Amino acid sequence: MGETELVNNLSGTQAKLYVILKMIVKELLKPKNKEITSFVMKNTIFWQAESNPLAMFQERNLIYWLHDALGTLRTVISSTQMPYYMIPERNLMADCGLQDAQQQNWVAVITDMMEEGPRVILRLSKIRQAVICHKEPLFWFSRRRIEVELLRLERMSRSLQCTDENGIY
């Protein structure tokens, strides 16, 4: 019941983060025998929430928190240590059956994801499909970017017109 109450009180950003982490595990890590579960992801979010003020979990910081959670996940996998939030003495990874080769592979994959930055979410098929299906925000961004580039070119042109051969206005 306590765990259900905690899940129900996650902020919108924390809930989105939980879903993204579950998608990463399912689509990118692809565990074969439940070596890593959504329960581990949930506990990762609980520990993040415990260690940081709720005000920090804002939507604009989602990628930061994803990077933080991936770092935690990488540590959990490499050390096979994850304290259960409700009973910290219990290690959720104790009997996970994680093999050395798989462990090394997952640590390398997660490290690559962390180095990739915000684009990592485009590795997830459902998110990538959502971006492709809803092109309007991309078109808006593209138009704005072109406008900014045109303004920069205009500024450079005017700057060149207003200076002499010594660079003085």
C-alpha atoms as a PDB file:
ATOM      1  CA  MET A   1       0.000   0.000   0.000  1.00  0.00           C
ATOM      2  CA  GLY A   2       2.851   2.372   0.818  1.00  0.00           C
ATOM      3  CA  GLU A   3       4.439   1.780  -2.549  1.00  0.00           C
ATOM      4  CA  THR A   4       1.134   2.416  -4.335  1.00  0.00           C
ATOM      5  CA  GLU A   5       0.779   5.679  -2.438  1.00  0.00           C
ATOM      6  CA  LEU A   6       4.286   6.726  -3.489  1.00  0.00           C
ATOM      7  CA  VAL A   7       3.577   5.928  -7.148  1.00  0.00           C
ATOM      8  CA  ASN A   8       0.318   7.883  -7.001  1.00  0.00           C
ATOM      9  CA  ASN A   9       2.215  10.897  -5.642  1.00  0.00           C
ATOM     10  CA  LEU A  10       4.917  11.015  -8.302  1.00  0.00           C
ATOM     11  CA  SER A  11       5.043  14.317 -10.142  1.00  0.00           C
ATOM     12  CA  GLY A  12       4.254  14.371 -13.851  1.00  0.00           C
ATOM     13  CA  THR A  13       7.962  14.572 -14.679  1.00  0.00           C
ATOM     14  CA  GLN A  14       8.782  11.649 -12.389  1.00  0.00           C
ATOM     15  CA  ALA A  15       6.009   9.561 -13.945  1.00  0.00           C
ATOM     16  CA  LYS A  16       7.257  10.363 -17.470  1.00  0.00           C
ATOM     17  CA  LEU A  17      10.768   9.492 -16.420  1.00  0.00           C
ATOM     18  CA  TYR A  18       9.570   6.149 -15.066  1.00  0.00           C
ATOM     19  CA  VAL A  19       7.831   5.366 -18.355  1.00  0.00           C
ATOM     20  CA  ILE A  20      10.894   6.348 -20.408  1.00  0.00           C
ATOM     21  CA  LEU A  21      13.140   4.175 -18.230  1.00  0.00           C
ATOM     22  CA  LYS A  22      10.783   1.222 -18.669  1.00  0.00           C
ATOM     23  CA  MET A  23      10.839   1.787 -22.436  1.00  0.00           C
ATOM     24  CA  ILE A  24      14.644   1.907 -22.437  1.00  0.00           C
ATOM     25  CA  VAL A  25      14.872  -1.368 -20.550  1.00  0.00           C
ATOM     26  CA  LYS A  26      12.288  -3.079 -22.739  1.00  0.00           C
ATOM     27  CA  GLU A  27      13.410  -1.762 -26.150  1.00  0.00           C
ATOM     28  CA  LEU A  28      17.138  -1.175 -25.793  1.00  0.00           C
ATOM     29  CA  LEU A  29      18.452  -3.449 -23.049  1.00  0.00           C
ATOM     30  CA  LYS A  30      15.971  -6.257 -23.771  1.00  0.00           C
ATOM     31  CA  PRO A  31      16.430  -8.447 -20.692  1.00  0.00           C
ATOM     32  CA  LYS A  32      15.723 -12.106 -21.397  1.00  0.00           C
ATOM     33  CA  ASN A  33      15.053 -13.430 -17.893  1.00  0.00           C
ATOM     34  CA  LYS A  34      13.887 -10.430 -15.871  1.00  0.00           C
ATOM     35  CA  GLU A  35      17.458  -9.560 -14.865  1.00  0.00           C
ATOM     36  CA  ILE A  36      16.276  -5.986 -14.597  1.00  0.00           C
ATOM     37  CA  THR A  37      12.638  -5.124 -14.035  1.00  0.00           C
ATOM     38  CA  SER A  38      10.309  -2.157 -13.921  1.00  0.00           C
ATOM     39  CA  PHE A  39      10.464  -2.597 -10.143  1.00  0.00           C
ATOM     40  CA  VAL A  40      14.130  -1.558 -10.295  1.00  0.00           C
ATOM     41  CA  MET A  41      13.154   1.466 -12.408  1.00  0.00           C
ATOM     42  CA  LYS A  42      10.460   2.414  -9.908  1.00  0.00           C
ATOM     43  CA  ASN A  43      12.947   2.214  -7.053  1.00  0.00           C
ATOM     44  CA  THR A  44      15.380   4.361  -9.026  1.00  0.00           C
ATOM     45  CA  ILE A  45      12.696   7.067  -9.222  1.00  0.00           C
ATOM     46  CA  PHE A  46      11.869   6.685  -5.525  1.00  0.00           C
ATOM     47  CA  TRP A  47      15.530   7.169  -4.563  1.00  0.00           C
ATOM     48  CA  GLN A  48      15.786  10.201  -6.858  1.00  0.00           C
ATOM     49  CA  ALA A  49      12.679  11.681  -5.245  1.00  0.00           C
ATOM     50  CA  GLU A  50      14.074  10.970  -1.780  1.00  0.00           C
ATOM     51  CA  SER A  51      17.367  12.693  -2.531  1.00  0.00           C
ATOM     52  CA  ASN A  52      16.075  15.804  -4.318  1.00  0.00           C
ATOM     53  CA  PRO A  53      13.419  18.467  -3.662  1.00  0.00           C
ATOM     54  CA  LEU A  54      10.195  18.009  -5.624  1.00  0.00           C
ATOM     55  CA  ALA A  55      10.583  21.510  -7.100  1.00  0.00           C
ATOM     56  CA  MET A  56      13.599  20.277  -9.076  1.00  0.00           C
ATOM     57  CA  PHE A  57      11.492  17.748 -10.998  1.00  0.00           C
ATOM     58  CA  GLN A  58      10.205  20.126 -13.633  1.00  0.00           C
ATOM     59  CA  GLU A  59       9.395  19.128 -17.171  1.00  0.00           C
ATOM     60  CA  ARG A  60      12.176  21.279 -18.600  1.00  0.00           C
ATOM     61  CA  ASN A  61      14.632  19.165 -16.556  1.00  0.00           C
ATOM     62  CA  LEU A  62      13.371  15.794 -17.828  1.00  0.00           C
ATOM     63  CA  ILE A  63      16.532  15.073 -19.843  1.00  0.00           C
ATOM     64  CA  TYR A  64      18.711  15.949 -16.848  1.00  0.00           C
ATOM     65  CA  TRP A  65      16.764  13.480 -14.673  1.00  0.00           C
ATOM     66  CA  LEU A  66      16.884  10.844 -17.412  1.00  0.00           C
ATOM     67  CA  HIS A  67      20.669  11.229 -17.546  1.00  0.00           C
ATOM     68  CA  ASP A  68      20.818  10.977 -13.742  1.00  0.00           C
ATOM     69  CA  ALA A  69      18.614   7.861 -13.726  1.00  0.00           C
ATOM     70  CA  LEU A  70      20.685   6.237 -16.489  1.00  0.00           C
ATOM     71  CA  GLY A  71      23.794   6.884 -14.402  1.00  0.00           C
ATOM     72  CA  THR A  72      22.118   5.222 -11.438  1.00  0.00           C
ATOM     73  CA  LEU A  73      21.011   2.310 -13.608  1.00  0.00           C
ATOM     74  CA  ARG A  74      24.557   1.887 -14.943  1.00  0.00           C
ATOM     75  CA  THR A  75      25.883   1.794 -11.360  1.00  0.00           C
ATOM     76  CA  VAL A  76      23.180  -0.660 -10.299  1.00  0.00           C
ATOM     77  CA  ILE A  77      24.005  -2.984 -13.181  1.00  0.00           C
ATOM     78  CA  SER A  78      27.773  -2.807 -12.741  1.00  0.00           C
ATOM     79  CA  SER A  79      27.621  -3.310  -8.962  1.00  0.00           C
ATOM     80  CA  THR A  80      24.489  -5.537  -8.863  1.00  0.00           C
ATOM     81  CA  GLN A  81      23.430  -3.457  -5.864  1.00  0.00           C
ATOM     82  CA  MET A  82      20.040  -1.744  -5.647  1.00  0.00           C
ATOM     83  CA  PRO A  83      18.487  -1.183  -2.235  1.00  0.00           C
ATOM     84  CA  TYR A  84      14.730  -1.688  -2.133  1.00  0.00           C
ATOM     85  CA  TYR A  85      13.215   1.671  -1.231  1.00  0.00           C
ATOM     86  CA  MET A  86      10.813   0.276   1.365  1.00  0.00           C
ATOM     87  CA  ILE A  87      13.397  -2.054   2.979  1.00  0.00           C
ATOM     88  CA  PRO A  88      16.856  -0.654   2.146  1.00  0.00           C
ATOM     89  CA  GLU A  89      18.640  -3.706   3.555  1.00  0.00           C
ATOM     90  CA  ARG A  90      17.118  -5.796   0.742  1.00  0.00           C
ATOM     91  CA  ASN A  91      19.116  -5.830  -2.494  1.00  0.00           C
ATOM     92  CA  LEU A  92      16.818  -5.956  -5.538  1.00  0.00           C
ATOM     93  CA  MET A  93      19.684  -7.142  -7.730  1.00  0.00           C
ATOM     94  CA  ALA A  94      20.869  -9.945  -5.418  1.00  0.00           C
ATOM     95  CA  ASP A  95      19.410 -12.828  -7.418  1.00  0.00           C
ATOM     96  CA  CYS A  96      18.906 -11.184 -10.783  1.00  0.00           C
ATOM     97  CA  GLY A  97      20.977 -13.748 -12.694  1.00  0.00           C
ATOM     98  CA  LEU A  98      22.907 -11.096 -14.591  1.00  0.00           C
ATOM     99  CA  GLN A  99      25.815 -12.674 -16.492  1.00  0.00           C
ATOM    100  CA  ASP A 100      29.177 -10.930 -16.865  1.00  0.00           C
ATOM    101  CA  ALA A 101      29.003 -10.500 -20.657  1.00  0.00           C
ATOM    102  CA  GLN A 102      25.461  -9.117 -20.460  1.00  0.00           C
ATOM    103  CA  GLN A 103      26.457  -6.848 -17.573  1.00  0.00           C
ATOM    104  CA  GLN A 104      29.408  -5.404 -19.510  1.00  0.00           C
ATOM    105  CA  ASN A 105      27.266  -4.974 -22.634  1.00  0.00           C
ATOM    106  CA  TRP A 106      24.518  -3.123 -20.758  1.00  0.00           C
ATOM    107  CA  VAL A 107      27.015  -0.838 -19.010  1.00  0.00           C
ATOM    108  CA  ALA A 108      28.510   0.016 -22.427  1.00  0.00           C
ATOM    109  CA  VAL A 109      25.051   0.600 -23.974  1.00  0.00           C
ATOM    110  CA  ILE A 110      23.969   2.860 -21.112  1.00  0.00           C
ATOM    111  CA  THR A 111      27.261   4.774 -21.278  1.00  0.00           C
ATOM    112  CA  ASP A 112      26.654   5.342 -25.014  1.00  0.00           C
ATOM    113  CA  MET A 113      23.122   6.541 -24.268  1.00  0.00           C
ATOM    114  CA  MET A 114      24.395   8.980 -21.641  1.00  0.00           C
ATOM    115  CA  GLU A 115      27.016  10.349 -24.026  1.00  0.00           C
ATOM    116  CA  GLU A 116      24.405  10.753 -26.746  1.00  0.00           C
ATOM    117  CA  GLY A 117      22.533  13.325 -24.695  1.00  0.00           C
ATOM    118  CA  PRO A 118      18.924  14.350 -25.356  1.00  0.00           C
ATOM    119  CA  ARG A 119      18.787  12.509 -28.690  1.00  0.00           C
ATOM    120  CA  VAL A 120      18.795   9.249 -26.747  1.00  0.00           C
ATOM    121  CA  ILE A 121      15.003   9.366 -26.500  1.00  0.00           C
ATOM    122  CA  LEU A 122      14.815   9.098 -30.295  1.00  0.00           C
ATOM    123  CA  ARG A 123      16.173   5.558 -29.923  1.00  0.00           C
ATOM    124  CA  LEU A 124      12.766   4.658 -28.523  1.00  0.00           C
ATOM    125  CA  SER A 125      10.435   3.660 -31.341  1.00  0.00           C
ATOM    126  CA  LYS A 126       7.231   5.020 -29.806  1.00  0.00           C
ATOM    127  CA  ILE A 127       8.772   8.431 -29.142  1.00  0.00           C
ATOM    128  CA  ARG A 128      10.402   8.528 -32.570  1.00  0.00           C
ATOM    129  CA  GLN A 129       7.064   7.610 -34.164  1.00  0.00           C
ATOM    130  CA  ALA A 130       5.287  10.339 -32.191  1.00  0.00           C
ATOM    131  CA  VAL A 131       7.778  12.917 -33.446  1.00  0.00           C
ATOM    132  CA  ILE A 132       7.386  11.730 -37.032  1.00  0.00           C
ATOM    133  CA  CYS A 133       3.578  11.694 -36.846  1.00  0.00           C
ATOM    134  CA  HIS A 134       3.357  15.197 -35.387  1.00  0.00           C
ATOM    135  CA  LYS A 135       5.458  17.268 -37.740  1.00  0.00           C
ATOM    136  CA  GLU A 136       3.943  20.655 -36.883  1.00  0.00           C
ATOM    137  CA  PRO A 137       6.324  21.371 -33.963  1.00  0.00           C
ATOM    138  CA  LEU A 138       9.257  20.412 -36.169  1.00  0.00           C
ATOM    139  CA  PHE A 139       8.065  22.710 -38.948  1.00  0.00           C
ATOM    140  CA  TRP A 140       7.596  25.554 -36.454  1.00  0.00           C
ATOM    141  CA  PHE A 141      11.098  25.046 -35.084  1.00  0.00           C
ATOM    142  CA  SER A 142      12.542  24.847 -38.589  1.00  0.00           C
ATOM    143  CA  ARG A 143      10.846  28.120 -39.619  1.00  0.00           C
ATOM    144  CA  ARG A 144      12.114  29.881 -36.481  1.00  0.00           C
ATOM    145  CA  ARG A 145      15.626  28.604 -37.055  1.00  0.00           C
ATOM    146  CA  ILE A 146      15.619  29.863 -40.645  1.00  0.00           C
ATOM    147  CA  GLU A 147      14.360  33.263 -39.442  1.00  0.00           C
ATOM    148  CA  VAL A 148      17.167  33.503 -36.899  1.00  0.00           C
ATOM    149  CA  GLU A 149      19.767  32.510 -39.495  1.00  0.00           C
ATOM    150  CA  LEU A 150      18.432  35.146 -41.908  1.00  0.00           C
ATOM    151  CA  LEU A 151      18.596  37.785 -39.176  1.00  0.00           C
ATOM    152  CA  ARG A 152      22.211  36.827 -38.439  1.00  0.00           C
ATOM    153  CA  LEU A 153      23.117  37.125 -42.115  1.00  0.00           C
ATOM    154  CA  GLU A 154      21.394  40.518 -42.324  1.00  0.00           C
ATOM    155  CA  ARG A 155      23.288  41.711 -39.238  1.00  0.00           C
ATOM    156  CA  MET A 156      26.606  40.548 -40.668  1.00  0.00           C
ATOM    157  CA  SER A 157      25.848  42.267 -43.971  1.00  0.00           C
ATOM    158  CA  ARG A 158      24.917  45.554 -42.287  1.00  0.00           C
ATOM    159  CA  SER A 159      27.920  45.351 -40.030  1.00  0.00           C
ATOM    160  CA  LEU A 160      30.202  45.007 -43.047  1.00  0.00           C
ATOM    161  CA  GLN A 161      28.494  47.950 -44.757  1.00  0.00           C
ATOM    162  CA  CYS A 162      28.925  50.182 -41.714  1.00  0.00           C
ATOM    163  CA  THR A 163      32.634  49.623 -41.110  1.00  0.00           C
ATOM    164  CA  ASP A 164      35.660  50.964 -42.860  1.00  0.00           C
ATOM    165  CA  GLU A 165      38.747  48.993 -43.907  1.00  0.00           C
ATOM    166  CA  ASN A 166      40.075  49.243 -40.317  1.00  0.00           C
ATOM    167  CA  GLY A 167      36.919  47.698 -38.830  1.00  0.00           C
ATOM    168  CA  ILE A 168      35.770  51.000 -37.261  1.00  0.00           C
ATOM    169  CA  TYR A 169      32.075  51.899 -37.367  1.00  0.00           C
END
